[in-house]
Amino acid sequence: MKKKFLLSALLVLAVVAICFAADITGHWTGRVNDQFDISYDFKVDGTTLTGTHKGPDGNVVQIKNGVIKGDSLSFTIPIMDNDVPIKGVVKGDVMSLSMSFNGNPVAFELKKDAAK
């Protein structure tokens, strides 16, 4: 009886967590190392995160392996023929992201563009 109750409770919590996942759908912009302008267009479907990344060179690439759970997200983007993992946290209209590029940690923030 306890097992069924615990399993039911965990299932309800999982559904609630999915329902309250941050909806980051839209256009986000920011700068890397205070000099490189970047932008993302995200779309959320449940816990699946899809979209595009526009780098400082103007090239647009698809994000891969996108997942969002609650306020945490992760995805990869191709940089110089390597899939670079990016992880982050969303708080309101600010997204804090981090990645490692050529062995160097890089942290940056994006802000949601309300106009798009």
N, C-alpha and C. Protein backbone atom coordinates (compact mmCIF):
# COMPACT_ATOMS: atom_id res chain seq x y z
N MET A 1 0.82 -1.19 0.00
CA MET A 1 0.00 0.00 0.00
C MET A 1 0.87 1.27 0.00
N LYS A 2 1.92 1.26 0.83
CA LYS A 2 2.81 2.42 0.89
C LYS A 2 3.52 2.62 -0.45
N LYS A 3 3.91 1.52 -1.10
CA LYS A 3 4.61 1.63 -2.38
C LYS A 3 3.71 2.28 -3.42
N LYS A 4 2.43 1.89 -3.45
CA LYS A 4 1.51 2.48 -4.42
C LYS A 4 1.31 3.97 -4.15
N PHE A 5 1.21 4.33 -2.87
CA PHE A 5 1.04 5.73 -2.52
C PHE A 5 2.28 6.54 -2.92
N LEU A 6 3.47 6.03 -2.60
CA LEU A 6 4.70 6.73 -2.95
C LEU A 6 4.87 6.85 -4.45
N LEU A 7 4.55 5.78 -5.18
CA LEU A 7 4.65 5.83 -6.63
C LEU A 7 3.67 6.86 -7.19
N SER A 8 2.47 6.88 -6.68
CA SER A 8 1.47 7.86 -7.13
C SER A 8 1.93 9.28 -6.82
N ALA A 9 2.46 9.49 -5.62
CA ALA A 9 2.94 10.81 -5.23
C ALA A 9 4.09 11.26 -6.12
N LEU A 10 5.02 10.37 -6.43
CA LEU A 10 6.13 10.72 -7.32
C LEU A 10 5.64 11.04 -8.72
N LEU A 11 4.68 10.31 -9.20
CA LEU A 11 4.12 10.56 -10.52
C LEU A 11 3.46 11.94 -10.57
N VAL A 12 2.71 12.28 -9.54
CA VAL A 12 2.07 13.59 -9.48
C VAL A 12 3.12 14.69 -9.45
N LEU A 13 4.17 14.52 -8.66
CA LEU A 13 5.25 15.52 -8.60
C LEU A 13 5.94 15.69 -9.94
N ALA A 14 6.15 14.59 -10.64
CA ALA A 14 6.78 14.66 -11.96
C ALA A 14 5.92 15.44 -12.94
N VAL A 15 4.62 15.19 -12.93
CA VAL A 15 3.70 15.91 -13.82
C VAL A 15 3.68 17.39 -13.47
N VAL A 16 3.65 17.71 -12.18
CA VAL A 16 3.65 19.11 -11.75
C VAL A 16 4.94 19.79 -12.19
N ALA A 17 6.07 19.12 -12.05
CA ALA A 17 7.36 19.71 -12.46
C ALA A 17 7.38 20.00 -13.95
N ILE A 18 6.83 19.09 -14.74
CA ILE A 18 6.77 19.31 -16.19
C ILE A 18 5.87 20.49 -16.51
N CYS A 19 4.74 20.58 -15.84
CA CYS A 19 3.79 21.66 -16.09
C CYS A 19 4.37 23.02 -15.73
N PHE A 20 5.24 23.06 -14.72
CA PHE A 20 5.81 24.32 -14.31
C PHE A 20 7.19 24.58 -14.91
N ALA A 21 7.56 23.81 -15.91
CA ALA A 21 8.83 24.07 -16.59
C ALA A 21 8.78 25.48 -17.19
N ALA A 22 9.88 26.18 -17.10
CA ALA A 22 9.93 27.54 -17.61
C ALA A 22 9.61 27.55 -19.10
N ASP A 23 8.71 28.42 -19.51
CA ASP A 23 8.42 28.55 -20.94
C ASP A 23 9.32 29.63 -21.50
N ILE A 24 10.41 29.21 -22.09
CA ILE A 24 11.39 30.17 -22.61
C ILE A 24 11.20 30.41 -24.10
N THR A 25 10.05 29.95 -24.63
CA THR A 25 9.78 30.15 -26.05
C THR A 25 9.91 31.63 -26.39
N GLY A 26 10.68 31.92 -27.44
CA GLY A 26 10.85 33.30 -27.87
C GLY A 26 12.29 33.62 -28.23
N HIS A 27 12.54 34.91 -28.42
CA HIS A 27 13.84 35.42 -28.86
C HIS A 27 14.63 35.93 -27.65
N TRP A 28 15.88 35.47 -27.52
CA TRP A 28 16.77 35.84 -26.43
C TRP A 28 18.07 36.38 -27.01
N THR A 29 18.63 37.42 -26.39
CA THR A 29 19.88 38.01 -26.88
C THR A 29 20.86 38.20 -25.73
N GLY A 30 22.14 38.28 -26.08
CA GLY A 30 23.17 38.50 -25.08
C GLY A 30 24.52 38.72 -25.72
N ARG A 31 25.53 38.76 -24.87
CA ARG A 31 26.92 38.94 -25.32
C ARG A 31 27.80 37.94 -24.60
N VAL A 32 28.76 37.42 -25.32
CA VAL A 32 29.75 36.52 -24.75
C VAL A 32 31.05 37.31 -24.60
N ASN A 33 31.66 37.23 -23.44
CA ASN A 33 32.91 37.94 -23.13
C ASN A 33 32.78 39.45 -23.38
N ASP A 34 31.58 39.99 -23.19
CA ASP A 34 31.31 41.42 -23.37
C ASP A 34 31.71 41.94 -24.75
N GLN A 35 31.80 41.06 -25.75
CA GLN A 35 32.18 41.56 -27.07
C GLN A 35 31.49 40.84 -28.23
N PHE A 36 30.95 39.66 -28.02
CA PHE A 36 30.35 38.91 -29.12
C PHE A 36 28.83 38.84 -28.95
N ASP A 37 28.10 39.49 -29.85
CA ASP A 37 26.64 39.44 -29.80
C ASP A 37 26.14 38.10 -30.30
N ILE A 38 25.21 37.52 -29.54
CA ILE A 38 24.60 36.25 -29.91
C ILE A 38 23.10 36.34 -29.69
N SER A 39 22.37 35.44 -30.34
CA SER A 39 20.93 35.39 -30.09
C SER A 39 20.44 33.95 -30.25
N TYR A 40 19.34 33.68 -29.60
CA TYR A 40 18.70 32.37 -29.65
C TYR A 40 17.22 32.57 -29.88
N ASP A 41 16.63 31.67 -30.63
CA ASP A 41 15.18 31.56 -30.76
C ASP A 41 14.82 30.17 -30.26
N PHE A 42 14.15 30.12 -29.10
CA PHE A 42 13.82 28.86 -28.46
C PHE A 42 12.34 28.53 -28.64
N LYS A 43 12.07 27.22 -28.65
CA LYS A 43 10.70 26.72 -28.63
C LYS A 43 10.67 25.55 -27.66
N VAL A 44 9.68 25.56 -26.75
CA VAL A 44 9.55 24.51 -25.75
C VAL A 44 8.30 23.70 -26.06
N ASP A 45 8.46 22.37 -26.01
CA ASP A 45 7.34 21.44 -26.15
C ASP A 45 7.50 20.39 -25.07
N GLY A 46 6.79 20.58 -23.94
CA GLY A 46 6.98 19.69 -22.79
C GLY A 46 8.35 19.92 -22.19
N THR A 47 9.20 18.89 -22.20
CA THR A 47 10.57 19.04 -21.72
C THR A 47 11.57 19.12 -22.86
N THR A 48 11.06 19.15 -24.10
CA THR A 48 11.94 19.22 -25.27
C THR A 48 12.17 20.67 -25.65
N LEU A 49 13.44 21.01 -25.83
CA LEU A 49 13.84 22.36 -26.21
C LEU A 49 14.44 22.32 -27.61
N THR A 50 13.90 23.12 -28.51
CA THR A 50 14.43 23.22 -29.87
C THR A 50 14.67 24.70 -30.17
N GLY A 51 15.32 24.97 -31.29
CA GLY A 51 15.51 26.35 -31.69
C GLY A 51 16.79 26.55 -32.47
N THR A 52 17.17 27.83 -32.57
CA THR A 52 18.36 28.20 -33.34
C THR A 52 19.25 29.12 -32.52
N HIS A 53 20.52 29.11 -32.91
CA HIS A 53 21.55 29.98 -32.32
C HIS A 53 22.12 30.81 -33.45
N LYS A 54 22.22 32.12 -33.25
CA LYS A 54 22.89 32.99 -34.22
C LYS A 54 24.13 33.53 -33.55
N GLY A 55 25.30 33.15 -34.11
CA GLY A 55 26.57 33.55 -33.52
C GLY A 55 27.05 34.90 -34.00
N PRO A 56 28.20 35.33 -33.49
CA PRO A 56 28.73 36.65 -33.85
C PRO A 56 29.07 36.77 -35.33
N ASP A 57 29.27 35.64 -36.01
CA ASP A 57 29.57 35.68 -37.44
C ASP A 57 28.31 35.76 -38.29
N GLY A 58 27.13 35.73 -37.65
CA GLY A 58 25.87 35.82 -38.38
C GLY A 58 25.30 34.50 -38.82
N ASN A 59 26.06 33.41 -38.66
CA ASN A 59 25.56 32.09 -39.05
C ASN A 59 24.51 31.61 -38.06
N VAL A 60 23.48 30.98 -38.59
CA VAL A 60 22.41 30.43 -37.76
C VAL A 60 22.50 28.92 -37.80
N VAL A 61 22.52 28.29 -36.61
CA VAL A 61 22.59 26.83 -36.51
C VAL A 61 21.48 26.33 -35.59
N GLN A 62 21.07 25.10 -35.79
CA GLN A 62 20.06 24.47 -34.95
C GLN A 62 20.69 24.00 -33.64
N ILE A 63 19.99 24.21 -32.54
CA ILE A 63 20.45 23.61 -31.30
C ILE A 63 20.06 22.14 -31.31
N LYS A 64 20.83 21.33 -30.59
CA LYS A 64 20.60 19.89 -30.56
C LYS A 64 20.44 19.44 -29.11
N ASN A 65 19.81 18.28 -28.94
CA ASN A 65 19.72 17.63 -27.62
C ASN A 65 19.15 18.55 -26.55
N GLY A 66 18.22 19.42 -26.91
CA GLY A 66 17.67 20.38 -25.96
C GLY A 66 16.69 19.76 -24.98
N VAL A 67 16.91 20.05 -23.70
CA VAL A 67 16.04 19.56 -22.63
C VAL A 67 15.82 20.69 -21.64
N ILE A 68 14.57 20.84 -21.16
CA ILE A 68 14.29 21.81 -20.10
C ILE A 68 13.45 21.11 -19.04
N LYS A 69 13.89 21.25 -17.81
CA LYS A 69 13.19 20.66 -16.66
C LYS A 69 13.15 21.72 -15.57
N GLY A 70 11.95 22.18 -15.25
CA GLY A 70 11.83 23.25 -14.28
C GLY A 70 12.50 24.50 -14.82
N ASP A 71 13.44 25.06 -14.07
CA ASP A 71 14.15 26.25 -14.55
C ASP A 71 15.54 25.92 -15.09
N SER A 72 15.87 24.62 -15.22
CA SER A 72 17.17 24.20 -15.75
C SER A 72 17.03 23.74 -17.19
N LEU A 73 18.05 24.04 -17.99
CA LEU A 73 18.04 23.63 -19.39
C LEU A 73 19.42 23.22 -19.83
N SER A 74 19.46 22.44 -20.90
CA SER A 74 20.73 22.05 -21.51
C SER A 74 20.49 21.79 -22.99
N PHE A 75 21.54 22.02 -23.78
CA PHE A 75 21.49 21.76 -25.22
C PHE A 75 22.92 21.81 -25.75
N THR A 76 23.09 21.45 -27.00
CA THR A 76 24.41 21.57 -27.63
C THR A 76 24.28 22.41 -28.90
N ILE A 77 25.37 23.08 -29.25
CA ILE A 77 25.45 23.79 -30.52
C ILE A 77 26.79 23.44 -31.17
N PRO A 78 26.81 23.40 -32.51
CA PRO A 78 28.08 23.14 -33.18
C PRO A 78 28.94 24.41 -33.25
N ILE A 79 30.15 24.30 -32.74
CA ILE A 79 31.13 25.39 -32.85
C ILE A 79 32.42 24.79 -33.39
N MET A 80 32.86 25.28 -34.52
CA MET A 80 34.10 24.80 -35.16
C MET A 80 34.11 23.27 -35.25
N ASP A 81 33.03 22.71 -35.79
CA ASP A 81 32.89 21.27 -36.02
C ASP A 81 32.86 20.43 -34.74
N ASN A 82 32.59 21.04 -33.59
CA ASN A 82 32.44 20.31 -32.33
C ASN A 82 31.08 20.64 -31.73
N ASP A 83 30.39 19.62 -31.20
CA ASP A 83 29.15 19.86 -30.47
C ASP A 83 29.51 20.29 -29.05
N VAL A 84 29.22 21.55 -28.73
CA VAL A 84 29.56 22.12 -27.44
C VAL A 84 28.33 22.11 -26.53
N PRO A 85 28.40 21.41 -25.38
CA PRO A 85 27.27 21.40 -24.45
C PRO A 85 27.14 22.73 -23.71
N ILE A 86 25.90 23.17 -23.57
CA ILE A 86 25.60 24.40 -22.83
C ILE A 86 24.54 24.06 -21.80
N LYS A 87 24.74 24.54 -20.58
CA LYS A 87 23.79 24.32 -19.49
C LYS A 87 23.41 25.68 -18.92
N GLY A 88 22.21 25.74 -18.34
CA GLY A 88 21.80 27.01 -17.78
C GLY A 88 20.60 26.94 -16.88
N VAL A 89 20.26 28.12 -16.36
CA VAL A 89 19.13 28.29 -15.45
C VAL A 89 18.38 29.54 -15.89
N VAL A 90 17.05 29.47 -15.83
CA VAL A 90 16.19 30.59 -16.19
C VAL A 90 15.58 31.18 -14.93
N LYS A 91 15.66 32.50 -14.82
CA LYS A 91 15.00 33.22 -13.73
C LYS A 91 14.30 34.42 -14.35
N GLY A 92 12.99 34.26 -14.54
CA GLY A 92 12.21 35.33 -15.17
C GLY A 92 12.63 35.52 -16.61
N ASP A 93 13.05 36.74 -16.95
CA ASP A 93 13.45 37.02 -18.32
C ASP A 93 14.97 37.05 -18.49
N VAL A 94 15.69 36.41 -17.54
CA VAL A 94 17.15 36.31 -17.62
C VAL A 94 17.55 34.84 -17.59
N MET A 95 18.42 34.46 -18.51
CA MET A 95 18.92 33.10 -18.60
C MET A 95 20.44 33.13 -18.39
N SER A 96 20.93 32.41 -17.39
CA SER A 96 22.36 32.31 -17.13
C SER A 96 22.85 30.99 -17.72
N LEU A 97 23.81 31.08 -18.64
CA LEU A 97 24.32 29.89 -19.34
C LEU A 97 25.81 29.74 -19.12
N SER A 98 26.28 28.50 -19.26
CA SER A 98 27.73 28.25 -19.18
C SER A 98 28.09 27.13 -20.13
N MET A 99 29.33 27.20 -20.60
CA MET A 99 29.87 26.18 -21.49
C MET A 99 31.38 26.16 -21.30
N SER A 100 32.00 25.16 -21.90
CA SER A 100 33.45 25.09 -21.91
C SER A 100 33.89 25.07 -23.36
N PHE A 101 34.78 26.00 -23.72
CA PHE A 101 35.25 26.09 -25.11
C PHE A 101 36.77 26.04 -25.12
N ASN A 102 37.31 25.07 -25.80
CA ASN A 102 38.76 24.85 -25.82
C ASN A 102 39.33 24.75 -24.41
N GLY A 103 38.59 24.10 -23.52
CA GLY A 103 39.04 23.90 -22.15
C GLY A 103 38.86 25.09 -21.24
N ASN A 104 38.28 26.16 -21.74
CA ASN A 104 38.09 27.36 -20.94
C ASN A 104 36.60 27.53 -20.60
N PRO A 105 36.27 27.73 -19.32
CA PRO A 105 34.87 27.95 -18.97
C PRO A 105 34.40 29.32 -19.44
N VAL A 106 33.20 29.35 -19.98
CA VAL A 106 32.61 30.60 -20.46
C VAL A 106 31.20 30.70 -19.88
N ALA A 107 30.92 31.80 -19.19
CA ALA A 107 29.60 32.05 -18.64
C ALA A 107 29.04 33.31 -19.29
N PHE A 108 27.73 33.30 -19.58
CA PHE A 108 27.10 34.47 -20.19
C PHE A 108 25.62 34.47 -19.86
N GLU A 109 25.01 35.62 -20.05
CA GLU A 109 23.58 35.78 -19.79
C GLU A 109 22.85 36.19 -21.05
N LEU A 110 21.61 35.73 -21.14
CA LEU A 110 20.71 36.15 -22.21
C LEU A 110 19.51 36.82 -21.57
N LYS A 111 18.92 37.75 -22.29
CA LYS A 111 17.69 38.39 -21.84
C LYS A 111 16.63 38.18 -22.89
N LYS A 112 15.41 37.94 -22.43
CA LYS A 112 14.31 37.70 -23.34
C LYS A 112 13.91 39.01 -24.00
N ASP A 113 13.76 38.96 -25.30
CA ASP A 113 13.36 40.12 -26.10
C ASP A 113 11.84 40.14 -26.15
N ALA A 114 11.23 41.09 -25.47
CA ALA A 114 9.77 41.17 -25.40
C ALA A 114 9.16 41.60 -26.73
N ALA A 115 9.96 42.23 -27.58
CA ALA A 115 9.43 42.78 -28.84
C ALA A 115 9.18 41.70 -29.88
N LYS A 116 9.84 40.55 -29.79
CA LYS A 116 9.69 39.53 -30.83
C LYS A 116 8.82 38.41 -30.37
